[in-house]
Amino acid sequence: MSEFNYQKQAQDFYSKAPVIILGSGASAARGMSGMSGLAKHLVARTNISDLSNGEIAAWEKFCQI
């Protein structure tokens, strides 16, 4: 019985479509230390013009957090 290869599964999954993984490491490389700076950046720069009304409502709710 072979052991399941989680790394291979992740590589296969992420190779199917472009993926951006955001976290403290990614934001630090962009000069935004901590998640608060990243959140402010995303709120200020995210284009919501193509979102549905429901998606806009969800985004606005996220921005209030």
PDB file of N, CA and C in Angstrom:
ATOM      1  N   MET A   1       0.845  -1.188   0.000  1.00  0.00           N
ATOM      2  CA  MET A   1       0.000   0.000   0.000  1.00  0.00           C
ATOM      3  C   MET A   1       0.891   1.252   0.000  1.00  0.00           C
ATOM      4  N   SER A   2       0.698   2.132  -0.970  1.00  0.00           N
ATOM      5  CA  SER A   2       1.545   3.320  -1.045  1.00  0.00           C
ATOM      6  C   SER A   2       0.961   4.455  -0.204  1.00  0.00           C
ATOM      7  N   GLU A   3       1.851   5.298   0.284  1.00  0.00           N
ATOM      8  CA  GLU A   3       1.450   6.443   1.091  1.00  0.00           C
ATOM      9  C   GLU A   3       0.927   7.546   0.171  1.00  0.00           C
ATOM     10  N   PHE A   4      -0.124   8.234   0.572  1.00  0.00           N
ATOM     11  CA  PHE A   4      -0.705   9.310  -0.240  1.00  0.00           C
ATOM     12  C   PHE A   4       0.260  10.480  -0.312  1.00  0.00           C
ATOM     13  N   ASN A   5       0.457  11.030  -1.502  1.00  0.00           N
ATOM     14  CA  ASN A   5       1.407  12.114  -1.724  1.00  0.00           C
ATOM     15  C   ASN A   5       0.660  13.450  -1.757  1.00  0.00           C
ATOM     16  N   TYR A   6       0.587  14.119  -0.615  1.00  0.00           N
ATOM     17  CA  TYR A   6      -0.136  15.392  -0.515  1.00  0.00           C
ATOM     18  C   TYR A   6       0.531  16.491  -1.341  1.00  0.00           C
ATOM     19  N   GLN A   7       1.862  16.481  -1.385  1.00  0.00           N
ATOM     20  CA  GLN A   7       2.570  17.497  -2.158  1.00  0.00           C
ATOM     21  C   GLN A   7       2.222  17.368  -3.641  1.00  0.00           C
ATOM     22  N   LYS A   8       2.199  16.150  -4.160  1.00  0.00           N
ATOM     23  CA  LYS A   8       1.853  15.922  -5.564  1.00  0.00           C
ATOM     24  C   LYS A   8       0.415  16.352  -5.830  1.00  0.00           C
ATOM     25  N   GLN A   9      -0.500  16.052  -4.909  1.00  0.00           N
ATOM     26  CA  GLN A   9      -1.889  16.450  -5.082  1.00  0.00           C
ATOM     27  C   GLN A   9      -1.998  17.975  -5.138  1.00  0.00           C
ATOM     28  N   ALA A  10      -1.296  18.683  -4.260  1.00  0.00           N
ATOM     29  CA  ALA A  10      -1.330  20.142  -4.249  1.00  0.00           C
ATOM     30  C   ALA A  10      -0.757  20.701  -5.551  1.00  0.00           C
ATOM     31  N   GLN A  11       0.359  20.145  -6.006  1.00  0.00           N
ATOM     32  CA  GLN A  11       0.951  20.608  -7.262  1.00  0.00           C
ATOM     33  C   GLN A  11      -0.009  20.395  -8.429  1.00  0.00           C
ATOM     34  N   ASP A  12      -0.667  19.237  -8.478  1.00  0.00           N
ATOM     35  CA  ASP A  12      -1.627  18.967  -9.546  1.00  0.00           C
ATOM     36  C   ASP A  12      -2.794  19.946  -9.491  1.00  0.00           C
ATOM     37  N   PHE A  13      -3.296  20.214  -8.295  1.00  0.00           N
ATOM     38  CA  PHE A  13      -4.428  21.125  -8.125  1.00  0.00           C
ATOM     39  C   PHE A  13      -4.068  22.538  -8.561  1.00  0.00           C
ATOM     40  N   TYR A  14      -2.939  23.047  -8.086  1.00  0.00           N
ATOM     41  CA  TYR A  14      -2.555  24.421  -8.369  1.00  0.00           C
ATOM     42  C   TYR A  14      -2.079  24.622  -9.805  1.00  0.00           C
ATOM     43  N   SER A  15      -1.742  23.555 -10.505  1.00  0.00           N
ATOM     44  CA  SER A  15      -1.293  23.693 -11.895  1.00  0.00           C
ATOM     45  C   SER A  15      -2.470  23.836 -12.866  1.00  0.00           C
ATOM     46  N   LYS A  16      -3.682  23.606 -12.411  1.00  0.00           N
ATOM     47  CA  LYS A  16      -4.848  23.645 -13.289  1.00  0.00           C
ATOM     48  C   LYS A  16      -5.336  25.064 -13.584  1.00  0.00           C
ATOM     49  N   ALA A  17      -5.040  26.016 -12.723  1.00  0.00           N
ATOM     50  CA  ALA A  17      -5.492  27.394 -12.906  1.00  0.00           C
ATOM     51  C   ALA A  17      -4.541  28.323 -12.158  1.00  0.00           C
ATOM     52  N   PRO A  18      -4.456  29.572 -12.601  1.00  0.00           N
ATOM     53  CA  PRO A  18      -3.614  30.522 -11.865  1.00  0.00           C
ATOM     54  C   PRO A  18      -4.117  30.684 -10.428  1.00  0.00           C
ATOM     55  N   VAL A  19      -3.192  30.702  -9.496  1.00  0.00           N
ATOM     56  CA  VAL A  19      -3.542  30.805  -8.085  1.00  0.00           C
ATOM     57  C   VAL A  19      -2.621  31.823  -7.426  1.00  0.00           C
ATOM     58  N   ILE A  20      -3.196  32.692  -6.618  1.00  0.00           N
ATOM     59  CA  ILE A  20      -2.413  33.613  -5.808  1.00  0.00           C
ATOM     60  C   ILE A  20      -2.669  33.259  -4.359  1.00  0.00           C
ATOM     61  N   ILE A  21      -1.622  32.975  -3.629  1.00  0.00           N
ATOM     62  CA  ILE A  21      -1.751  32.643  -2.216  1.00  0.00           C
ATOM     63  C   ILE A  21      -1.246  33.841  -1.431  1.00  0.00           C
ATOM     64  N   LEU A  22      -2.143  34.494  -0.723  1.00  0.00           N
ATOM     65  CA  LEU A  22      -1.781  35.672   0.052  1.00  0.00           C
ATOM     66  C   LEU A  22      -1.599  35.297   1.511  1.00  0.00           C
ATOM     67  N   GLY A  23      -0.602  35.834   2.094  1.00  0.00           N
ATOM     68  CA  GLY A  23      -0.338  35.604   3.497  1.00  0.00           C
ATOM     69  C   GLY A  23       0.715  36.589   3.966  1.00  0.00           C
ATOM     70  N   SER A  24       1.124  36.455   5.173  1.00  0.00           N
ATOM     71  CA  SER A  24       2.064  37.430   5.712  1.00  0.00           C
ATOM     72  C   SER A  24       3.378  37.426   4.949  1.00  0.00           C
ATOM     73  N   GLY A  25       3.793  36.296   4.431  1.00  0.00           N
ATOM     74  CA  GLY A  25       5.024  36.249   3.640  1.00  0.00           C
ATOM     75  C   GLY A  25       4.882  37.001   2.331  1.00  0.00           C
ATOM     76  N   ALA A  26       3.754  36.815   1.647  1.00  0.00           N
ATOM     77  CA  ALA A  26       3.540  37.507   0.380  1.00  0.00           C
ATOM     78  C   ALA A  26       3.402  38.999   0.591  1.00  0.00           C
ATOM     79  N   SER A  27       2.729  39.406   1.624  1.00  0.00           N
ATOM     80  CA  SER A  27       2.536  40.836   1.861  1.00  0.00           C
ATOM     81  C   SER A  27       3.833  41.502   2.325  1.00  0.00           C
ATOM     82  N   ALA A  28       4.648  40.798   3.079  1.00  0.00           N
ATOM     83  CA  ALA A  28       5.909  41.375   3.547  1.00  0.00           C
ATOM     84  C   ALA A  28       6.828  41.672   2.373  1.00  0.00           C
ATOM     85  N   ALA A  29       6.805  40.814   1.358  1.00  0.00           N
ATOM     86  CA  ALA A  29       7.634  41.029   0.176  1.00  0.00           C
ATOM     87  C   ALA A  29       7.189  42.267  -0.602  1.00  0.00           C
ATOM     88  N   ARG A  30       5.951  42.678  -0.423  1.00  0.00           N
ATOM     89  CA  ARG A  30       5.414  43.856  -1.100  1.00  0.00           C
ATOM     90  C   ARG A  30       5.483  45.093  -0.215  1.00  0.00           C
ATOM     91  N   GLY A  31       6.183  44.985   0.914  1.00  0.00           N
ATOM     92  CA  GLY A  31       6.363  46.131   1.795  1.00  0.00           C
ATOM     93  C   GLY A  31       5.184  46.397   2.713  1.00  0.00           C
ATOM     94  N   MET A  32       4.308  45.423   2.888  1.00  0.00           N
ATOM     95  CA  MET A  32       3.145  45.575   3.772  1.00  0.00           C
ATOM     96  C   MET A  32       3.291  44.587   4.915  1.00  0.00           C
ATOM     97  N   SER A  33       3.842  45.035   6.017  1.00  0.00           N
ATOM     98  CA  SER A  33       4.038  44.115   7.128  1.00  0.00           C
ATOM     99  C   SER A  33       2.730  43.890   7.865  1.00  0.00           C
ATOM    100  N   GLY A  34       2.375  42.666   8.037  1.00  0.00           N
ATOM    101  CA  GLY A  34       1.173  42.301   8.776  1.00  0.00           C
ATOM    102  C   GLY A  34      -0.070  42.255   7.909  1.00  0.00           C
ATOM    103  N   MET A  35      -1.065  41.579   8.406  1.00  0.00           N
ATOM    104  CA  MET A  35      -2.303  41.388   7.656  1.00  0.00           C
ATOM    105  C   MET A  35      -3.138  42.659   7.589  1.00  0.00           C
ATOM    106  N   SER A  36      -2.993  43.546   8.554  1.00  0.00           N
ATOM    107  CA  SER A  36      -3.754  44.797   8.539  1.00  0.00           C
ATOM    108  C   SER A  36      -3.390  45.645   7.327  1.00  0.00           C
ATOM    109  N   GLY A  37      -2.109  45.757   7.051  1.00  0.00           N
ATOM    110  CA  GLY A  37      -1.658  46.512   5.884  1.00  0.00           C
ATOM    111  C   GLY A  37      -2.135  45.890   4.583  1.00  0.00           C
ATOM    112  N   LEU A  38      -2.116  44.560   4.526  1.00  0.00           N
ATOM    113  CA  LEU A  38      -2.594  43.852   3.351  1.00  0.00           C
ATOM    114  C   LEU A  38      -4.091  44.092   3.157  1.00  0.00           C
ATOM    115  N   ALA A  39      -4.867  44.014   4.233  1.00  0.00           N
ATOM    116  CA  ALA A  39      -6.309  44.240   4.148  1.00  0.00           C
ATOM    117  C   ALA A  39      -6.607  45.649   3.644  1.00  0.00           C
ATOM    118  N   LYS A  40      -5.895  46.642   4.168  1.00  0.00           N
ATOM    119  CA  LYS A  40      -6.105  48.024   3.717  1.00  0.00           C
ATOM    120  C   LYS A  40      -5.779  48.174   2.238  1.00  0.00           C
ATOM    121  N   HIS A  41      -4.717  47.535   1.812  1.00  0.00           N
ATOM    122  CA  HIS A  41      -4.317  47.580   0.409  1.00  0.00           C
ATOM    123  C   HIS A  41      -5.403  46.954  -0.483  1.00  0.00           C
ATOM    124  N   LEU A  42      -5.891  45.779  -0.094  1.00  0.00           N
ATOM    125  CA  LEU A  42      -6.922  45.101  -0.886  1.00  0.00           C
ATOM    126  C   LEU A  42      -8.211  45.908  -0.951  1.00  0.00           C
ATOM    127  N   VAL A  43      -8.614  46.494   0.177  1.00  0.00           N
ATOM    128  CA  VAL A  43      -9.835  47.310   0.209  1.00  0.00           C
ATOM    129  C   VAL A  43      -9.687  48.511  -0.720  1.00  0.00           C
ATOM    130  N   ALA A  44      -8.521  49.136  -0.718  1.00  0.00           N
ATOM    131  CA  ALA A  44      -8.306  50.337  -1.519  1.00  0.00           C
ATOM    132  C   ALA A  44      -8.150  50.039  -3.010  1.00  0.00           C
ATOM    133  N   ARG A  45      -7.646  48.857  -3.360  1.00  0.00           N
ATOM    134  CA  ARG A  45      -7.267  48.614  -4.749  1.00  0.00           C
ATOM    135  C   ARG A  45      -8.073  47.550  -5.482  1.00  0.00           C
ATOM    136  N   THR A  46      -9.041  46.930  -4.840  1.00  0.00           N
ATOM    137  CA  THR A  46      -9.810  45.881  -5.499  1.00  0.00           C
ATOM    138  C   THR A  46     -10.903  46.489  -6.364  1.00  0.00           C
ATOM    139  N   ASN A  47     -10.907  46.099  -7.630  1.00  0.00           N
ATOM    140  CA  ASN A  47     -11.911  46.571  -8.575  1.00  0.00           C
ATOM    141  C   ASN A  47     -13.157  45.691  -8.452  1.00  0.00           C
ATOM    142  N   ILE A  48     -14.260  46.280  -8.057  1.00  0.00           N
ATOM    143  CA  ILE A  48     -15.494  45.508  -7.869  1.00  0.00           C
ATOM    144  C   ILE A  48     -16.517  45.790  -8.968  1.00  0.00           C
ATOM    145  N   SER A  49     -16.113  46.480 -10.035  1.00  0.00           N
ATOM    146  CA  SER A  49     -17.067  46.900 -11.065  1.00  0.00           C
ATOM    147  C   SER A  49     -17.715  45.729 -11.808  1.00  0.00           C
ATOM    148  N   ASP A  50     -17.046  44.590 -11.879  1.00  0.00           N
ATOM    149  CA  ASP A  50     -17.608  43.443 -12.589  1.00  0.00           C
ATOM    150  C   ASP A  50     -18.319  42.446 -11.674  1.00  0.00           C
ATOM    151  N   LEU A  51     -18.458  42.779 -10.393  1.00  0.00           N
ATOM    152  CA  LEU A  51     -19.089  41.861  -9.449  1.00  0.00           C
ATOM    153  C   LEU A  51     -20.610  41.965  -9.504  1.00  0.00           C
ATOM    154  N   SER A  52     -21.269  40.878  -9.139  1.00  0.00           N
ATOM    155  CA  SER A  52     -22.736  40.881  -9.036  1.00  0.00           C
ATOM    156  C   SER A  52     -23.142  41.654  -7.786  1.00  0.00           C
ATOM    157  N   ASN A  53     -24.419  41.968  -7.669  1.00  0.00           N
ATOM    158  CA  ASN A  53     -24.912  42.683  -6.486  1.00  0.00           C
ATOM    159  C   ASN A  53     -24.623  41.902  -5.207  1.00  0.00           C
ATOM    160  N   GLY A  54     -24.786  40.598  -5.249  1.00  0.00           N
ATOM    161  CA  GLY A  54     -24.513  39.770  -4.076  1.00  0.00           C
ATOM    162  C   GLY A  54     -23.042  39.778  -3.704  1.00  0.00           C
ATOM    163  N   GLU A  55     -22.182  39.725  -4.714  1.00  0.00           N
ATOM    164  CA  GLU A  55     -20.742  39.760  -4.456  1.00  0.00           C
ATOM    165  C   GLU A  55     -20.320  41.121  -3.907  1.00  0.00           C
ATOM    166  N   ILE A  56     -20.928  42.197  -4.423  1.00  0.00           N
ATOM    167  CA  ILE A  56     -20.625  43.539  -3.915  1.00  0.00           C
ATOM    168  C   ILE A  56     -21.051  43.653  -2.459  1.00  0.00           C
ATOM    169  N   ALA A  57     -22.211  43.122  -2.127  1.00  0.00           N
ATOM    170  CA  ALA A  57     -22.681  43.154  -0.734  1.00  0.00           C
ATOM    171  C   ALA A  57     -21.718  42.389   0.174  1.00  0.00           C
ATOM    172  N   ALA A  58     -21.245  41.234  -0.286  1.00  0.00           N
ATOM    173  CA  ALA A  58     -20.297  40.447   0.508  1.00  0.00           C
ATOM    174  C   ALA A  58     -18.971  41.197   0.662  1.00  0.00           C
ATOM    175  N   TRP A  59     -18.517  41.856  -0.412  1.00  0.00           N
ATOM    176  CA  TRP A  59     -17.265  42.617  -0.351  1.00  0.00           C
ATOM    177  C   TRP A  59     -17.397  43.770   0.626  1.00  0.00           C
ATOM    178  N   GLU A  60     -18.511  44.497   0.554  1.00  0.00           N
ATOM    179  CA  GLU A  60     -18.721  45.622   1.467  1.00  0.00           C
ATOM    180  C   GLU A  60     -18.778  45.166   2.927  1.00  0.00           C
ATOM    181  N   LYS A  61     -19.359  43.998   3.149  1.00  0.00           N
ATOM    182  CA  LYS A  61     -19.395  43.450   4.498  1.00  0.00           C
ATOM    183  C   LYS A  61     -17.989  43.100   4.962  1.00  0.00           C
ATOM    184  N   PHE A  62     -17.186  42.528   4.075  1.00  0.00           N
ATOM    185  CA  PHE A  62     -15.793  42.219   4.403  1.00  0.00           C
ATOM    186  C   PHE A  62     -15.017  43.481   4.737  1.00  0.00           C
ATOM    187  N   CYS A  63     -15.262  44.548   3.988  1.00  0.00           N
ATOM    188  CA  CYS A  63     -14.518  45.797   4.181  1.00  0.00           C
ATOM    189  C   CYS A  63     -14.830  46.465   5.523  1.00  0.00           C
ATOM    190  N   GLN A  64     -15.938  46.125   6.138  1.00  0.00           N
ATOM    191  CA  GLN A  64     -16.302  46.712   7.426  1.00  0.00           C
ATOM    192  C   GLN A  64     -15.608  46.023   8.586  1.00  0.00           C
ATOM    193  N   ILE A  65     -15.048  44.864   8.346  1.00  0.00           N
ATOM    194  CA  ILE A  65     -14.401  44.093   9.430  1.00  0.00           C
ATOM    195  C   ILE A  65     -13.133  44.773   9.869  1.00  0.00           C
TER     196      ILE A  65
END
